[in-house]
Amino acid sequence: MPETSKRIQQLVREYAAIAHDRELGQALRDLGAQFERWRSGEIGPAELNDLIHQFHDGPSQDVLRKYTTKRLDSALEFPVATGILRKEELPAELFQHLAGLIDFYEAEQSS
């Protein structure tokens, strides 16, 4: 397998950071809904506290693990295949580098 250029490595890191922020942001929006439930009196402070701990040990860690890898290019297949990152927003050279992985992941998702 040919060595990946520094430019592609930089783009992979840049777009992995964008995907990480988007996924974490969605998870935080879901947690934010629990704060609204607490503010409205639907749940108490102890339950909200438990939900915060569950978030930290669950979704927060899941997102972190996904993007804490030496193979970030393979970590980008999920966000592109699922629309977290749109194919159109990727630079052409990065999309070309990832195309095989994206196609494989999309095929796996549809089967």
PDB file of N, CA and C in Angstrom:
ATOM      1  N   MET A   1       0.852  -1.179   0.000  1.00  0.00           N
ATOM      2  CA  MET A   1       0.000   0.000   0.000  1.00  0.00           C
ATOM      3  C   MET A   1       0.897   1.241   0.000  1.00  0.00           C
ATOM      4  N   PRO A   2       0.669   2.176  -0.927  1.00  0.00           N
ATOM      5  CA  PRO A   2       1.519   3.365  -0.982  1.00  0.00           C
ATOM      6  C   PRO A   2       1.329   4.245   0.250  1.00  0.00           C
ATOM      7  N   GLU A   3       2.402   4.962   0.584  1.00  0.00           N
ATOM      8  CA  GLU A   3       2.352   5.856   1.739  1.00  0.00           C
ATOM      9  C   GLU A   3       1.431   7.036   1.440  1.00  0.00           C
ATOM     10  N   THR A   4       0.650   7.431   2.435  1.00  0.00           N
ATOM     11  CA  THR A   4      -0.281   8.538   2.289  1.00  0.00           C
ATOM     12  C   THR A   4       0.478   9.855   2.365  1.00  0.00           C
ATOM     13  N   SER A   5       0.167  10.775   1.469  1.00  0.00           N
ATOM     14  CA  SER A   5       0.863  12.064   1.443  1.00  0.00           C
ATOM     15  C   SER A   5       0.541  12.872   2.697  1.00  0.00           C
ATOM     16  N   LYS A   6       1.427  13.789   3.021  1.00  0.00           N
ATOM     17  CA  LYS A   6       1.207  14.646   4.188  1.00  0.00           C
ATOM     18  C   LYS A   6      -0.049  15.490   4.009  1.00  0.00           C
ATOM     19  N   ARG A   7      -0.324  15.915   2.795  1.00  0.00           N
ATOM     20  CA  ARG A   7      -1.527  16.705   2.520  1.00  0.00           C
ATOM     21  C   ARG A   7      -2.782  15.898   2.846  1.00  0.00           C
ATOM     22  N   ILE A   8      -2.829  14.645   2.409  1.00  0.00           N
ATOM     23  CA  ILE A   8      -3.980  13.788   2.685  1.00  0.00           C
ATOM     24  C   ILE A   8      -4.078  13.530   4.193  1.00  0.00           C
ATOM     25  N   GLN A   9      -2.958  13.284   4.844  1.00  0.00           N
ATOM     26  CA  GLN A   9      -2.973  13.065   6.293  1.00  0.00           C
ATOM     27  C   GLN A   9      -3.551  14.288   7.013  1.00  0.00           C
ATOM     28  N   GLN A  10      -3.163  15.478   6.563  1.00  0.00           N
ATOM     29  CA  GLN A  10      -3.674  16.711   7.167  1.00  0.00           C
ATOM     30  C   GLN A  10      -5.185  16.818   6.952  1.00  0.00           C
ATOM     31  N   LEU A  11      -5.641  16.536   5.732  1.00  0.00           N
ATOM     32  CA  LEU A  11      -7.071  16.605   5.435  1.00  0.00           C
ATOM     33  C   LEU A  11      -7.854  15.572   6.242  1.00  0.00           C
ATOM     34  N   VAL A  12      -7.308  14.382   6.385  1.00  0.00           N
ATOM     35  CA  VAL A  12      -7.970  13.344   7.180  1.00  0.00           C
ATOM     36  C   VAL A  12      -8.141  13.826   8.613  1.00  0.00           C
ATOM     37  N   ARG A  13      -7.080  14.376   9.204  1.00  0.00           N
ATOM     38  CA  ARG A  13      -7.176  14.881  10.582  1.00  0.00           C
ATOM     39  C   ARG A  13      -8.197  16.011  10.680  1.00  0.00           C
ATOM     40  N   GLU A  14      -8.166  16.921   9.710  1.00  0.00           N
ATOM     41  CA  GLU A  14      -9.081  18.065   9.719  1.00  0.00           C
ATOM     42  C   GLU A  14     -10.541  17.619   9.639  1.00  0.00           C
ATOM     43  N   TYR A  15     -10.849  16.717   8.731  1.00  0.00           N
ATOM     44  CA  TYR A  15     -12.233  16.287   8.559  1.00  0.00           C
ATOM     45  C   TYR A  15     -12.669  15.297   9.641  1.00  0.00           C
ATOM     46  N   ALA A  16     -11.732  14.556  10.215  1.00  0.00           N
ATOM     47  CA  ALA A  16     -12.066  13.710  11.359  1.00  0.00           C
ATOM     48  C   ALA A  16     -12.449  14.588  12.552  1.00  0.00           C
ATOM     49  N   ALA A  17     -11.752  15.709  12.720  1.00  0.00           N
ATOM     50  CA  ALA A  17     -12.095  16.635  13.810  1.00  0.00           C
ATOM     51  C   ALA A  17     -13.489  17.230  13.593  1.00  0.00           C
ATOM     52  N   ILE A  18     -13.812  17.562  12.350  1.00  0.00           N
ATOM     53  CA  ILE A  18     -15.143  18.096  12.041  1.00  0.00           C
ATOM     54  C   ILE A  18     -16.209  17.043  12.348  1.00  0.00           C
ATOM     55  N   ALA A  19     -15.965  15.808  11.900  1.00  0.00           N
ATOM     56  CA  ALA A  19     -16.939  14.734  12.143  1.00  0.00           C
ATOM     57  C   ALA A  19     -17.085  14.474  13.644  1.00  0.00           C
ATOM     58  N   HIS A  20     -15.982  14.479  14.363  1.00  0.00           N
ATOM     59  CA  HIS A  20     -16.019  14.287  15.815  1.00  0.00           C
ATOM     60  C   HIS A  20     -16.892  15.356  16.462  1.00  0.00           C
ATOM     61  N   ASP A  21     -16.656  16.616  16.100  1.00  0.00           N
ATOM     62  CA  ASP A  21     -17.436  17.709  16.679  1.00  0.00           C
ATOM     63  C   ASP A  21     -18.917  17.572  16.369  1.00  0.00           C
ATOM     64  N   ARG A  22     -19.247  17.173  15.155  1.00  0.00           N
ATOM     65  CA  ARG A  22     -20.651  17.023  14.781  1.00  0.00           C
ATOM     66  C   ARG A  22     -21.313  15.888  15.553  1.00  0.00           C
ATOM     67  N   GLU A  23     -20.623  14.751  15.658  1.00  0.00           N
ATOM     68  CA  GLU A  23     -21.211  13.630  16.400  1.00  0.00           C
ATOM     69  C   GLU A  23     -21.340  13.950  17.878  1.00  0.00           C
ATOM     70  N   LEU A  24     -20.314  14.568  18.447  1.00  0.00           N
ATOM     71  CA  LEU A  24     -20.375  14.938  19.852  1.00  0.00           C
ATOM     72  C   LEU A  24     -21.463  15.984  20.073  1.00  0.00           C
ATOM     73  N   GLY A  25     -21.586  16.919  19.145  1.00  0.00           N
ATOM     74  CA  GLY A  25     -22.632  17.934  19.241  1.00  0.00           C
ATOM     75  C   GLY A  25     -24.020  17.315  19.253  1.00  0.00           C
ATOM     76  N   GLN A  26     -24.236  16.319  18.407  1.00  0.00           N
ATOM     77  CA  GLN A  26     -25.545  15.647  18.396  1.00  0.00           C
ATOM     78  C   GLN A  26     -25.796  14.938  19.718  1.00  0.00           C
ATOM     79  N   ALA A  27     -24.782  14.272  20.219  1.00  0.00           N
ATOM     80  CA  ALA A  27     -24.933  13.583  21.504  1.00  0.00           C
ATOM     81  C   ALA A  27     -25.220  14.592  22.619  1.00  0.00           C
ATOM     82  N   LEU A  28     -24.575  15.743  22.570  1.00  0.00           N
ATOM     83  CA  LEU A  28     -24.812  16.772  23.582  1.00  0.00           C
ATOM     84  C   LEU A  28     -26.211  17.378  23.454  1.00  0.00           C
ATOM     85  N   ARG A  29     -26.725  17.498  22.222  1.00  0.00           N
ATOM     86  CA  ARG A  29     -28.099  17.974  22.056  1.00  0.00           C
ATOM     87  C   ARG A  29     -29.074  17.004  22.711  1.00  0.00           C
ATOM     88  N   ASP A  30     -28.802  15.718  22.550  1.00  0.00           N
ATOM     89  CA  ASP A  30     -29.655  14.712  23.190  1.00  0.00           C
ATOM     90  C   ASP A  30     -29.589  14.849  24.712  1.00  0.00           C
ATOM     91  N   LEU A  31     -28.399  15.071  25.240  1.00  0.00           N
ATOM     92  CA  LEU A  31     -28.264  15.282  26.681  1.00  0.00           C
ATOM     93  C   LEU A  31     -28.938  16.581  27.088  1.00  0.00           C
ATOM     94  N   GLY A  32     -28.839  17.603  26.250  1.00  0.00           N
ATOM     95  CA  GLY A  32     -29.482  18.887  26.531  1.00  0.00           C
ATOM     96  C   GLY A  32     -30.978  18.742  26.726  1.00  0.00           C
ATOM     97  N   ALA A  33     -31.585  17.819  26.010  1.00  0.00           N
ATOM     98  CA  ALA A  33     -33.024  17.575  26.173  1.00  0.00           C
ATOM     99  C   ALA A  33     -33.325  17.109  27.593  1.00  0.00           C
ATOM    100  N   GLN A  34     -32.383  16.399  28.182  1.00  0.00           N
ATOM    101  CA  GLN A  34     -32.580  15.947  29.565  1.00  0.00           C
ATOM    102  C   GLN A  34     -32.523  17.127  30.536  1.00  0.00           C
ATOM    103  N   PHE A  35     -31.693  18.114  30.232  1.00  0.00           N
ATOM    104  CA  PHE A  35     -31.663  19.324  31.059  1.00  0.00           C
ATOM    105  C   PHE A  35     -33.008  20.048  30.995  1.00  0.00           C
ATOM    106  N   GLU A  36     -33.614  20.053  29.819  1.00  0.00           N
ATOM    107  CA  GLU A  36     -34.940  20.671  29.680  1.00  0.00           C
ATOM    108  C   GLU A  36     -35.967  19.924  30.525  1.00  0.00           C
ATOM    109  N   ARG A  37     -35.883  18.604  30.544  1.00  0.00           N
ATOM    110  CA  ARG A  37     -36.791  17.814  31.375  1.00  0.00           C
ATOM    111  C   ARG A  37     -36.600  18.163  32.849  1.00  0.00           C
ATOM    112  N   TRP A  38     -35.354  18.362  33.257  1.00  0.00           N
ATOM    113  CA  TRP A  38     -35.060  18.736  34.641  1.00  0.00           C
ATOM    114  C   TRP A  38     -35.606  20.130  34.956  1.00  0.00           C
ATOM    115  N   ARG A  39     -35.375  21.074  34.035  1.00  0.00           N
ATOM    116  CA  ARG A  39     -35.868  22.443  34.249  1.00  0.00           C
ATOM    117  C   ARG A  39     -37.392  22.483  34.375  1.00  0.00           C
ATOM    118  N   SER A  40     -38.064  21.631  33.634  1.00  0.00           N
ATOM    119  CA  SER A  40     -39.527  21.621  33.668  1.00  0.00           C
ATOM    120  C   SER A  40     -40.074  20.810  34.842  1.00  0.00           C
ATOM    121  N   GLY A  41     -39.193  20.205  35.615  1.00  0.00           N
ATOM    122  CA  GLY A  41     -39.630  19.430  36.768  1.00  0.00           C
ATOM    123  C   GLY A  41     -40.012  18.002  36.460  1.00  0.00           C
ATOM    124  N   GLU A  42     -39.831  17.587  35.213  1.00  0.00           N
ATOM    125  CA  GLU A  42     -40.189  16.226  34.811  1.00  0.00           C
ATOM    126  C   GLU A  42     -39.273  15.185  35.471  1.00  0.00           C
ATOM    127  N   ILE A  43     -38.012  15.547  35.670  1.00  0.00           N
ATOM    128  CA  ILE A  43     -37.070  14.670  36.376  1.00  0.00           C
ATOM    129  C   ILE A  43     -36.370  15.488  37.454  1.00  0.00           C
ATOM    130  N   GLY A  44     -35.846  14.811  38.445  1.00  0.00           N
ATOM    131  CA  GLY A  44     -35.162  15.487  39.539  1.00  0.00           C
ATOM    132  C   GLY A  44     -33.668  15.607  39.294  1.00  0.00           C
ATOM    133  N   PRO A  45     -32.973  16.339  40.160  1.00  0.00           N
ATOM    134  CA  PRO A  45     -31.543  16.538  40.000  1.00  0.00           C
ATOM    135  C   PRO A  45     -30.738  15.239  40.066  1.00  0.00           C
ATOM    136  N   ALA A  46     -31.152  14.306  40.899  1.00  0.00           N
ATOM    137  CA  ALA A  46     -30.427  13.034  41.006  1.00  0.00           C
ATOM    138  C   ALA A  46     -30.511  12.253  39.697  1.00  0.00           C
ATOM    139  N   GLU A  47     -31.700  12.259  39.078  1.00  0.00           N
ATOM    140  CA  GLU A  47     -31.854  11.547  37.797  1.00  0.00           C
ATOM    141  C   GLU A  47     -31.040  12.235  36.705  1.00  0.00           C
ATOM    142  N   LEU A  48     -31.054  13.563  36.682  1.00  0.00           N
ATOM    143  CA  LEU A  48     -30.242  14.283  35.706  1.00  0.00           C
ATOM    144  C   LEU A  48     -28.769  13.968  35.912  1.00  0.00           C
ATOM    145  N   ASN A  49     -28.342  13.937  37.150  1.00  0.00           N
ATOM    146  CA  ASN A  49     -26.956  13.607  37.449  1.00  0.00           C
ATOM    147  C   ASN A  49     -26.602  12.218  36.920  1.00  0.00           C
ATOM    148  N   ASP A  50     -27.491  11.260  37.107  1.00  0.00           N
ATOM    149  CA  ASP A  50     -27.269   9.910  36.574  1.00  0.00           C
ATOM    150  C   ASP A  50     -27.178   9.928  35.053  1.00  0.00           C
ATOM    151  N   LEU A  51     -28.030  10.710  34.409  1.00  0.00           N
ATOM    152  CA  LEU A  51     -28.008  10.801  32.942  1.00  0.00           C
ATOM    153  C   LEU A  51     -26.709  11.431  32.450  1.00  0.00           C
ATOM    154  N   ILE A  52     -26.195  12.395  33.184  1.00  0.00           N
ATOM    155  CA  ILE A  52     -24.910  13.010  32.822  1.00  0.00           C
ATOM    156  C   ILE A  52     -23.801  11.966  32.907  1.00  0.00           C
ATOM    157  N   HIS A  53     -23.794  11.173  33.979  1.00  0.00           N
ATOM    158  CA  HIS A  53     -22.785  10.118  34.120  1.00  0.00           C
ATOM    159  C   HIS A  53     -22.927   9.071  33.021  1.00  0.00           C
ATOM    160  N   GLN A  54     -24.168   8.713  32.692  1.00  0.00           N
ATOM    161  CA  GLN A  54     -24.394   7.757  31.605  1.00  0.00           C
ATOM    162  C   GLN A  54     -23.874   8.318  30.284  1.00  0.00           C
ATOM    163  N   PHE A  55     -24.095   9.614  30.069  1.00  0.00           N
ATOM    164  CA  PHE A  55     -23.588  10.257  28.852  1.00  0.00           C
ATOM    165  C   PHE A  55     -22.067  10.169  28.807  1.00  0.00           C
ATOM    166  N   HIS A  56     -21.431  10.496  29.918  1.00  0.00           N
ATOM    167  CA  HIS A  56     -19.966  10.489  29.962  1.00  0.00           C
ATOM    168  C   HIS A  56     -19.408   9.097  29.696  1.00  0.00           C
ATOM    169  N   ASP A  57     -20.022   8.093  30.306  1.00  0.00           N
ATOM    170  CA  ASP A  57     -19.534   6.724  30.159  1.00  0.00           C
ATOM    171  C   ASP A  57     -19.991   6.059  28.863  1.00  0.00           C
ATOM    172  N   GLY A  58     -21.002   6.616  28.222  1.00  0.00           N
ATOM    173  CA  GLY A  58     -21.559   6.007  27.011  1.00  0.00           C
ATOM    174  C   GLY A  58     -21.253   6.804  25.759  1.00  0.00           C
ATOM    175  N   PRO A  59     -22.197   7.631  25.307  1.00  0.00           N
ATOM    176  CA  PRO A  59     -22.034   8.343  24.038  1.00  0.00           C
ATOM    177  C   PRO A  59     -20.747   9.166  23.934  1.00  0.00           C
ATOM    178  N   SER A  60     -20.376   9.843  24.991  1.00  0.00           N
ATOM    179  CA  SER A  60     -19.159  10.645  24.951  1.00  0.00           C
ATOM    180  C   SER A  60     -17.929   9.775  24.680  1.00  0.00           C
ATOM    181  N   GLN A  61     -17.840   8.658  25.373  1.00  0.00           N
ATOM    182  CA  GLN A  61     -16.709   7.745  25.182  1.00  0.00           C
ATOM    183  C   GLN A  61     -16.764   7.066  23.818  1.00  0.00           C
ATOM    184  N   ASP A  62     -17.964   6.733  23.349  1.00  0.00           N
ATOM    185  CA  ASP A  62     -18.108   6.103  22.034  1.00  0.00           C
ATOM    186  C   ASP A  62     -17.564   7.006  20.931  1.00  0.00           C
ATOM    187  N   VAL A  63     -17.925   8.274  20.995  1.00  0.00           N
ATOM    188  CA  VAL A  63     -17.452   9.226  19.989  1.00  0.00           C
ATOM    189  C   VAL A  63     -15.938   9.392  20.107  1.00  0.00           C
ATOM    190  N   LEU A  64     -15.440   9.529  21.310  1.00  0.00           N
ATOM    191  CA  LEU A  64     -14.005   9.689  21.514  1.00  0.00           C
ATOM    192  C   LEU A  64     -13.236   8.499  20.956  1.00  0.00           C
ATOM    193  N   ARG A  65     -13.671   7.290  21.277  1.00  0.00           N
ATOM    194  CA  ARG A  65     -12.971   6.091  20.788  1.00  0.00           C
ATOM    195  C   ARG A  65     -12.963   6.013  19.262  1.00  0.00           C
ATOM    196  N   LYS A  66     -14.054   6.431  18.662  1.00  0.00           N
ATOM    197  CA  LYS A  66     -14.152   6.355  17.210  1.00  0.00           C
ATOM    198  C   LYS A  66     -13.068   7.188  16.522  1.00  0.00           C
ATOM    199  N   TYR A  67     -12.729   8.315  17.131  1.00  0.00           N
ATOM    200  CA  TYR A  67     -11.788   9.236  16.496  1.00  0.00           C
ATOM    201  C   TYR A  67     -10.417   9.263  17.161  1.00  0.00           C
ATOM    202  N   THR A  68     -10.187   8.370  18.109  1.00  0.00           N
ATOM    203  CA  THR A  68      -8.876   8.252  18.733  1.00  0.00           C
ATOM    204  C   THR A  68      -8.246   6.973  18.209  1.00  0.00           C
ATOM    205  N   THR A  69      -7.784   7.046  16.993  1.00  0.00           N
ATOM    206  CA  THR A  69      -7.209   5.892  16.321  1.00  0.00           C
ATOM    207  C   THR A  69      -6.084   6.353  15.410  1.00  0.00           C
ATOM    208  N   LYS A  70      -5.161   5.487  15.165  1.00  0.00           N
ATOM    209  CA  LYS A  70      -4.068   5.808  14.244  1.00  0.00           C
ATOM    210  C   LYS A  70      -4.528   5.725  12.792  1.00  0.00           C
ATOM    211  N   ARG A  71      -5.689   5.119  12.554  1.00  0.00           N
ATOM    212  CA  ARG A  71      -6.220   4.964  11.193  1.00  0.00           C
ATOM    213  C   ARG A  71      -7.447   5.846  11.015  1.00  0.00           C
ATOM    214  N   LEU A  72      -7.242   7.160  11.105  1.00  0.00           N
ATOM    215  CA  LEU A  72      -8.368   8.090  11.005  1.00  0.00           C
ATOM    216  C   LEU A  72      -9.079   7.992   9.667  1.00  0.00           C
ATOM    217  N   ASP A  73      -8.352   7.638   8.607  1.00  0.00           N
ATOM    218  CA  ASP A  73      -9.028   7.533   7.311  1.00  0.00           C
ATOM    219  C   ASP A  73     -10.141   6.495   7.378  1.00  0.00           C
ATOM    220  N   SER A  74      -9.910   5.391   8.073  1.00  0.00           N
ATOM    221  CA  SER A  74     -10.987   4.401   8.195  1.00  0.00           C
ATOM    222  C   SER A  74     -12.071   4.893   9.152  1.00  0.00           C
ATOM    223  N   ALA A  75     -11.742   5.798  10.076  1.00  0.00           N
ATOM    224  CA  ALA A  75     -12.756   6.368  10.971  1.00  0.00           C
ATOM    225  C   ALA A  75     -13.680   7.315  10.217  1.00  0.00           C
ATOM    226  N   LEU A  76     -13.269   7.798   9.057  1.00  0.00           N
ATOM    227  CA  LEU A  76     -14.095   8.721   8.285  1.00  0.00           C
ATOM    228  C   LEU A  76     -15.146   8.021   7.434  1.00  0.00           C
ATOM    229  N   GLU A  77     -15.025   6.729   7.260  1.00  0.00           N
ATOM    230  CA  GLU A  77     -15.991   6.031   6.408  1.00  0.00           C
ATOM    231  C   GLU A  77     -17.406   6.139   6.968  1.00  0.00           C
ATOM    232  N   PHE A  78     -17.571   5.985   8.282  1.00  0.00           N
ATOM    233  CA  PHE A  78     -18.904   6.061   8.894  1.00  0.00           C
ATOM    234  C   PHE A  78     -19.519   7.443   8.729  1.00  0.00           C
ATOM    235  N   PRO A  79     -18.828   8.527   9.119  1.00  0.00           N
ATOM    236  CA  PRO A  79     -19.477   9.834   9.001  1.00  0.00           C
ATOM    237  C   PRO A  79     -19.819  10.213   7.564  1.00  0.00           C
ATOM    238  N   VAL A  80     -19.025   9.768   6.604  1.00  0.00           N
ATOM    239  CA  VAL A  80     -19.348  10.102   5.213  1.00  0.00           C
ATOM    240  C   VAL A  80     -20.496   9.228   4.721  1.00  0.00           C
ATOM    241  N   ALA A  81     -20.441   7.955   5.025  1.00  0.00           N
ATOM    242  CA  ALA A  81     -21.489   7.036   4.562  1.00  0.00           C
ATOM    243  C   ALA A  81     -22.837   7.347   5.198  1.00  0.00           C
ATOM    244  N   THR A  82     -22.842   7.920   6.400  1.00  0.00           N
ATOM    245  CA  THR A  82     -24.095   8.198   7.091  1.00  0.00           C
ATOM    246  C   THR A  82     -24.532   9.655   6.992  1.00  0.00           C
ATOM    247  N   GLY A  83     -23.747  10.474   6.310  1.00  0.00           N
ATOM    248  CA  GLY A  83     -24.153  11.860   6.085  1.00  0.00           C
ATOM    249  C   GLY A  83     -23.714  12.845   7.155  1.00  0.00           C
ATOM    250  N   ILE A  84     -22.975  12.399   8.156  1.00  0.00           N
ATOM    251  CA  ILE A  84     -22.434  13.338   9.139  1.00  0.00           C
ATOM    252  C   ILE A  84     -21.501  14.316   8.420  1.00  0.00           C
ATOM    253  N   LEU A  85     -20.718  13.768   7.516  1.00  0.00           N
ATOM    254  CA  LEU A  85     -19.949  14.572   6.557  1.00  0.00           C
ATOM    255  C   LEU A  85     -20.530  14.288   5.184  1.00  0.00           C
ATOM    256  N   ARG A  86     -20.841  15.325   4.452  1.00  0.00           N
ATOM    257  CA  ARG A  86     -21.364  15.144   3.101  1.00  0.00           C
ATOM    258  C   ARG A  86     -20.209  14.943   2.125  1.00  0.00           C
ATOM    259  N   LYS A  87     -20.383  14.040   1.196  1.00  0.00           N
ATOM    260  CA  LYS A  87     -19.346  13.779   0.200  1.00  0.00           C
ATOM    261  C   LYS A  87     -18.938  15.069  -0.503  1.00  0.00           C
ATOM    262  N   GLU A  88     -19.924  15.927  -0.763  1.00  0.00           N
ATOM    263  CA  GLU A  88     -19.668  17.163  -1.510  1.00  0.00           C
ATOM    264  C   GLU A  88     -18.783  18.143  -0.741  1.00  0.00           C
ATOM    265  N   GLU A  89     -18.738  18.040   0.561  1.00  0.00           N
ATOM    266  CA  GLU A  89     -17.939  18.991   1.326  1.00  0.00           C
ATOM    267  C   GLU A  89     -16.476  18.562   1.451  1.00  0.00           C
ATOM    268  N   LEU A  90     -16.186  17.324   1.078  1.00  0.00           N
ATOM    269  CA  LEU A  90     -14.802  16.857   1.141  1.00  0.00           C
ATOM    270  C   LEU A  90     -14.018  17.362  -0.065  1.00  0.00           C
ATOM    271  N   PRO A  91     -12.778  17.777   0.139  1.00  0.00           N
ATOM    272  CA  PRO A  91     -11.934  18.097  -1.010  1.00  0.00           C
ATOM    273  C   PRO A  91     -11.822  16.861  -1.910  1.00  0.00           C
ATOM    274  N   ALA A  92     -11.749  17.082  -3.201  1.00  0.00           N
ATOM    275  CA  ALA A  92     -11.731  15.970  -4.157  1.00  0.00           C
ATOM    276  C   ALA A  92     -10.623  14.974  -3.855  1.00  0.00           C
ATOM    277  N   GLU A  93      -9.454  15.464  -3.484  1.00  0.00           N
ATOM    278  CA  GLU A  93      -8.340  14.553  -3.223  1.00  0.00           C
ATOM    279  C   GLU A  93      -8.603  13.673  -2.000  1.00  0.00           C
ATOM    280  N   LEU A  94      -9.292  14.209  -1.003  1.00  0.00           N
ATOM    281  CA  LEU A  94      -9.628  13.413   0.176  1.00  0.00           C
ATOM    282  C   LEU A  94     -10.717  12.404  -0.175  1.00  0.00           C
ATOM    283  N   PHE A  95     -11.736  12.832  -0.899  1.00  0.00           N
ATOM    284  CA  PHE A  95     -12.795  11.907  -1.287  1.00  0.00           C
ATOM    285  C   PHE A  95     -12.220  10.761  -2.113  1.00  0.00           C
ATOM    286  N   GLN A  96     -11.322  11.068  -3.022  1.00  0.00           N
ATOM    287  CA  GLN A  96     -10.707  10.029  -3.853  1.00  0.00           C
ATOM    288  C   GLN A  96      -9.931   9.041  -2.976  1.00  0.00           C
ATOM    289  N   HIS A  97      -9.240   9.563  -1.980  1.00  0.00           N
ATOM    290  CA  HIS A  97      -8.479   8.707  -1.059  1.00  0.00           C
ATOM    291  C   HIS A  97      -9.403   7.781  -0.268  1.00  0.00           C
ATOM    292  N   LEU A  98     -10.577   8.269   0.103  1.00  0.00           N
ATOM    293  CA  LEU A  98     -11.504   7.516   0.944  1.00  0.00           C
ATOM    294  C   LEU A  98     -12.543   6.712   0.166  1.00  0.00           C
ATOM    295  N   ALA A  99     -12.639   6.913  -1.134  1.00  0.00           N
ATOM    296  CA  ALA A  99     -13.742   6.360  -1.924  1.00  0.00           C
ATOM    297  C   ALA A  99     -13.948   4.862  -1.717  1.00  0.00           C
ATOM    298  N   GLY A 100     -12.898   4.082  -1.729  1.00  0.00           N
ATOM    299  CA  GLY A 100     -13.030   2.639  -1.550  1.00  0.00           C
ATOM    300  C   GLY A 100     -13.596   2.281  -0.188  1.00  0.00           C
ATOM    301  N   LEU A 101     -13.112   2.949   0.853  1.00  0.00           N
ATOM    302  CA  LEU A 101     -13.615   2.694   2.207  1.00  0.00           C
ATOM    303  C   LEU A 101     -15.081   3.093   2.332  1.00  0.00           C
ATOM    304  N   ILE A 102     -15.429   4.222   1.747  1.00  0.00           N
ATOM    305  CA  ILE A 102     -16.821   4.698   1.815  1.00  0.00           C
ATOM    306  C   ILE A 102     -17.744   3.726   1.091  1.00  0.00           C
ATOM    307  N   ASP A 103     -17.342   3.315  -0.109  1.00  0.00           N
ATOM    308  CA  ASP A 103     -18.157   2.366  -0.874  1.00  0.00           C
ATOM    309  C   ASP A 103     -18.354   1.072  -0.091  1.00  0.00           C
ATOM    310  N   PHE A 104     -17.286   0.581   0.516  1.00  0.00           N
ATOM    311  CA  PHE A 104     -17.364  -0.653   1.299  1.00  0.00           C
ATOM    312  C   PHE A 104     -18.322  -0.475   2.473  1.00  0.00           C
ATOM    313  N   TYR A 105     -18.198   0.619   3.198  1.00  0.00           N
ATOM    314  CA  TYR A 105     -19.045   0.845   4.359  1.00  0.00           C
ATOM    315  C   TYR A 105     -20.509   1.012   3.946  1.00  0.00           C
ATOM    316  N   GLU A 106     -20.753   1.742   2.862  1.00  0.00           N
ATOM    317  CA  GLU A 106     -22.135   1.909   2.392  1.00  0.00           C
ATOM    318  C   GLU A 106     -22.734   0.567   1.989  1.00  0.00           C
ATOM    319  N   ALA A 107     -21.941  -0.294   1.352  1.00  0.00           N
ATOM    320  CA  ALA A 107     -22.422  -1.612   0.970  1.00  0.00           C
ATOM    321  C   ALA A 107     -22.747  -2.449   2.213  1.00  0.00           C
ATOM    322  N   GLU A 108     -21.907  -2.347   3.236  1.00  0.00           N
ATOM    323  CA  GLU A 108     -22.139  -3.075   4.483  1.00  0.00           C
ATOM    324  C   GLU A 108     -23.414  -2.588   5.165  1.00  0.00           C
ATOM    325  N   GLN A 109     -23.647  -1.279   5.130  1.00  0.00           N
ATOM    326  CA  GLN A 109     -24.826  -0.697   5.764  1.00  0.00           C
ATOM    327  C   GLN A 109     -26.122  -1.121   5.076  1.00  0.00           C
ATOM    328  N   SER A 110     -26.065  -1.290   3.760  1.00  0.00           N
ATOM    329  CA  SER A 110     -27.285  -1.613   3.023  1.00  0.00           C
ATOM    330  C   SER A 110     -27.601  -3.107   3.030  1.00  0.00           C
ATOM    331  N   SER A 111     -26.658  -3.931   3.460  1.00  0.00           N
ATOM    332  CA  SER A 111     -26.934  -5.381   3.454  1.00  0.00           C
ATOM    333  C   SER A 111     -27.464  -5.861   4.778  1.00  0.00           C
TER     334      SER A 111
END
